[in-house]
Protein backbone atom coordinates (compact mmCIF):
# COMPACT_ATOMS: atom_id res chain seq x y z
CA MET A 1 100.41 237.64 283.33
CA ASN A 2 103.44 238.25 281.13
CA LYS A 3 106.77 237.21 282.74
CA ASP A 4 108.19 240.58 281.66
CA PHE A 5 105.80 242.38 284.01
CA VAL A 6 107.00 240.28 286.97
CA SER A 7 110.63 240.95 285.94
CA THR A 8 109.88 244.70 285.84
CA ALA A 9 108.36 244.47 289.33
CA ILE A 10 111.43 242.63 290.63
CA GLU A 11 113.74 245.30 289.16
CA ALA A 12 111.69 248.00 290.87
CA LEU A 13 111.83 246.16 294.22
CA ARG A 14 115.61 245.79 293.94
CA LYS A 15 115.85 249.58 293.53
CA GLY A 16 113.85 250.08 296.74
CA GLU A 17 110.68 251.05 294.91
CA ILE A 18 107.09 250.09 295.77
CA ILE A 19 104.82 247.82 293.74
CA VAL A 20 101.19 246.73 293.87
CA TYR A 21 100.68 242.98 293.46
CA PRO A 22 97.74 240.59 293.74
CA THR A 23 97.19 238.11 296.57
CA ASP A 24 94.43 235.53 297.00
CA THR A 25 92.35 238.10 298.86
CA LEU A 26 93.12 241.71 297.86
CA TYR A 27 95.83 243.79 296.17
CA ALA A 28 98.88 244.44 298.36
CA LEU A 29 101.61 247.07 298.56
CA GLY A 30 104.94 245.30 298.13
CA ALA A 31 108.35 246.43 299.35
CA ASP A 32 111.56 244.58 300.13
CA VAL A 33 111.22 243.66 303.83
CA TYR A 34 115.02 243.95 304.29
CA ASN A 35 115.10 247.54 302.95
CA LYS A 36 114.08 249.91 305.77
CA GLU A 37 113.74 252.95 303.51
CA ALA A 38 111.42 251.02 301.16
CA VAL A 39 109.33 249.92 304.15
CA ARG A 40 109.13 253.54 305.36
CA LYS A 41 107.85 254.51 301.90
CA VAL A 42 104.95 252.06 302.30
CA PHE A 43 104.03 253.68 305.64
CA ARG A 44 104.12 257.12 303.99
CA ILE A 45 102.10 256.04 300.92
CA LYS A 46 99.44 254.39 303.10
CA LYS A 47 99.48 257.25 305.65
CA ARG A 48 99.68 254.51 308.24
CA PRO A 49 100.96 255.02 311.81
CA TYR A 50 104.34 253.36 312.47
CA SER A 51 102.81 251.62 315.47
CA LYS A 52 100.63 249.52 313.12
CA PRO A 53 102.67 246.51 311.90
CA PHE A 54 102.69 245.12 308.36
CA SER A 55 102.15 241.49 307.45
CA VAL A 56 104.78 239.79 305.29
CA ALA A 57 104.24 237.43 302.34
CA VAL A 58 106.66 234.56 301.71
CA PHE A 59 106.92 231.87 299.04
CA ASP A 60 107.07 228.74 301.21
CA PHE A 61 107.85 227.23 304.61
CA ASN A 62 111.62 227.58 304.06
CA ASP A 63 111.25 231.33 303.56
CA LEU A 64 108.93 231.51 306.56
CA GLU A 65 111.63 229.86 308.71
CA LYS A 66 114.19 232.47 307.63
CA ILE A 67 112.19 235.30 309.21
CA SER A 68 110.28 233.62 312.07
CA TYR A 69 110.57 230.83 314.63
CA THR A 70 108.57 227.69 313.89
CA ASN A 71 107.64 224.42 315.60
CA ASP A 72 105.58 221.30 314.82
CA ILE A 73 102.27 223.13 315.25
CA VAL A 74 103.33 225.84 312.78
CA LYS A 75 104.45 223.11 310.32
CA GLN A 76 101.07 221.36 310.58
CA VAL A 77 99.11 224.56 310.01
CA VAL A 78 101.28 225.57 307.04
CA LYS A 79 101.00 222.09 305.51
CA ASN A 80 97.20 222.09 305.78
CA PHE A 81 96.22 225.69 305.01
CA LEU A 82 98.97 227.48 303.09
CA PRO A 83 99.11 228.82 300.46
CA GLY A 84 95.71 230.27 301.36
CA PRO A 85 93.83 233.07 303.14
CA LEU A 86 95.52 232.58 306.52
CA THR A 87 98.01 234.84 308.31
CA LEU A 88 100.11 233.41 311.14
CA LEU A 89 101.40 235.47 314.03
CA LEU A 90 104.83 234.07 314.97
CA LYS A 91 107.93 235.14 316.92
CA LYS A 92 110.15 237.12 314.57
CA LYS A 93 113.85 236.59 313.92
CA LYS A 94 116.36 239.46 314.15
CA VAL A 95 116.68 239.73 310.35
CA ILE A 96 113.29 241.47 310.37
CA SER A 97 113.35 245.13 311.39
CA ASN A 98 111.14 246.32 314.25
CA LEU A 99 109.88 248.90 311.77
CA ILE A 100 107.79 246.18 310.07
CA THR A 101 106.47 244.73 313.33
CA GLY A 102 105.62 247.99 315.13
CA ASP A 103 108.37 247.29 317.72
CA LYS A 104 106.74 243.97 318.63
CA ASP A 105 108.63 240.67 318.79
CA THR A 106 106.01 238.96 316.62
CA ILE A 107 105.51 238.99 312.86
CA ALA A 108 102.39 238.29 310.78
CA VAL A 109 103.31 235.96 307.90
CA ARG A 110 101.32 234.52 305.03
CA ILE A 111 101.73 232.52 301.81
CA PRO A 112 99.18 233.87 299.32
CA LYS A 113 97.46 231.42 296.97
CA ASN A 114 98.01 233.49 293.84
CA ASP A 115 100.30 232.47 290.96
CA ILE A 116 101.57 235.99 290.28
CA ALA A 117 102.36 236.58 293.95
CA LEU A 118 104.09 233.20 294.27
CA ASP A 119 106.11 233.81 291.10
CA LEU A 120 107.23 237.16 292.51
CA LEU A 121 108.00 235.79 295.99
CA SER A 122 109.90 232.74 294.70
CA THR A 123 112.22 234.96 292.64
CA PHE A 124 112.55 238.02 294.87
CA GLY A 125 111.94 236.88 298.45
CA PRO A 126 109.69 238.17 301.27
CA LEU A 127 107.58 241.28 300.64
CA THR A 128 105.35 243.51 302.71
CA ALA A 129 101.78 242.27 302.27
CA THR A 130 99.74 245.15 303.63
CA SER A 131 96.54 245.88 301.70
CA ALA A 132 96.86 248.44 298.89
CA ASN A 133 94.84 251.27 300.39
CA ILE A 134 95.12 254.51 302.32
CA HIS A 135 95.01 253.64 306.03
CA GLY A 136 91.43 253.35 307.24
CA LYS A 137 89.91 253.33 303.75
CA LYS A 138 88.52 250.45 301.66
CA THR A 139 90.98 248.64 299.39
CA PRO A 140 90.16 249.26 295.71
CA CYS A 141 89.54 245.99 293.85
CA VAL A 142 90.73 247.08 290.38
CA ILE A 143 94.09 248.47 289.21
CA ASN A 144 92.58 251.62 287.63
CA ASP A 145 91.28 252.77 291.02
CA LEU A 146 94.61 251.91 292.66
CA THR A 147 96.61 253.97 290.15
CA MET A 148 94.33 256.94 290.84
CA GLN A 149 94.78 256.51 294.59
CA PHE A 150 98.57 256.15 294.63
CA ARG A 151 99.51 258.27 291.58
CA ASN A 152 103.31 258.32 291.18
CA ASN A 153 104.12 256.67 294.52
CA VAL A 154 103.98 253.14 293.09
CA SER A 155 106.38 252.04 290.34
CA VAL A 156 104.71 248.87 289.03
CA TYR A 157 101.15 247.55 289.17
CA LEU A 158 100.63 243.82 288.52
CA ASP A 159 97.08 243.50 287.25
CA ASP A 160 95.17 240.30 288.06
CA GLY A 161 91.68 241.57 287.34
CA LYS A 162 89.07 242.33 289.99
CA LEU A 163 90.04 241.15 293.49
CA GLU A 164 87.33 241.23 296.12
CA GLY A 165 88.33 238.51 298.58
CA SER A 166 87.73 238.77 302.31
CA PRO A 167 90.79 239.62 304.41
CA SER A 168 92.68 236.55 305.63
CA THR A 169 92.08 234.85 308.97
CA ILE A 170 94.78 235.83 311.50
CA VAL A 171 95.84 233.30 314.13
CA ASP A 172 98.39 233.82 316.88
CA LEU A 173 100.57 230.72 317.21
CA THR A 174 102.92 232.23 319.81
CA THR A 175 100.56 231.35 322.67
CA LYS A 176 100.10 227.89 324.23
CA LYS A 177 96.68 227.59 322.59
CA PRO A 178 96.20 229.13 319.10
CA PHE A 179 94.35 232.42 319.44
CA LEU A 180 92.05 233.91 316.79
CA VAL A 181 93.08 237.54 316.15
CA ARG A 182 90.80 238.18 313.15
CA ALA A 183 88.06 235.94 311.78
CA GLY A 184 88.19 235.10 308.08
CA THR A 185 87.52 232.32 305.58
CA ILE A 186 89.36 229.66 307.60
CA SER A 187 87.80 229.07 311.04
CA ILE A 188 89.68 228.52 314.30
CA ASP A 189 87.86 225.15 314.60
CA GLU A 190 89.38 223.98 311.29
CA ILE A 191 92.82 225.00 312.54
CA MET A 192 92.36 223.28 315.92
CA LYS A 193 91.37 220.03 314.15
CA VAL A 194 94.72 219.73 312.39
CA ILE A 195 96.66 220.59 315.55
């Protein structure tokens, strides 16, 4: 991926526009998590109810700590499984709008194992990481299909070929015992072993 494409995506994000970027599982719709109007655009583009929260992608543990509360268990899980196909449900900090979390006090955070995504996140900061699809429909795995689906609603598409990964495992780490919200590649047993 040409650095110029990532720079173009970052410029678009700074203007409050929406991009499509690759993760280690599927393509995602990216918006600046601190820009409420940009986040609203993602809801509109996806035709997604505001009550359904978005997950957020970050570059590393330091960025994760800026938007959510952590502890030793969270550190252990991050150290062992991230970047990778795992989403953590954590208590959110006030810097994150309730718009992203569907008025809940928790936030779903992940660090995708994809060089383009990490390049983008390291330079720009946290992004929405909701799958690039119309709510309730399958996520297209190639950019051509995505451009047809979203037309002029997305400013920049970062093409990383065909992406057909399974959705990430989601684990709630806000409870006393980690709770599996959605099964995925990483099992709850693997997570419990490192805790």
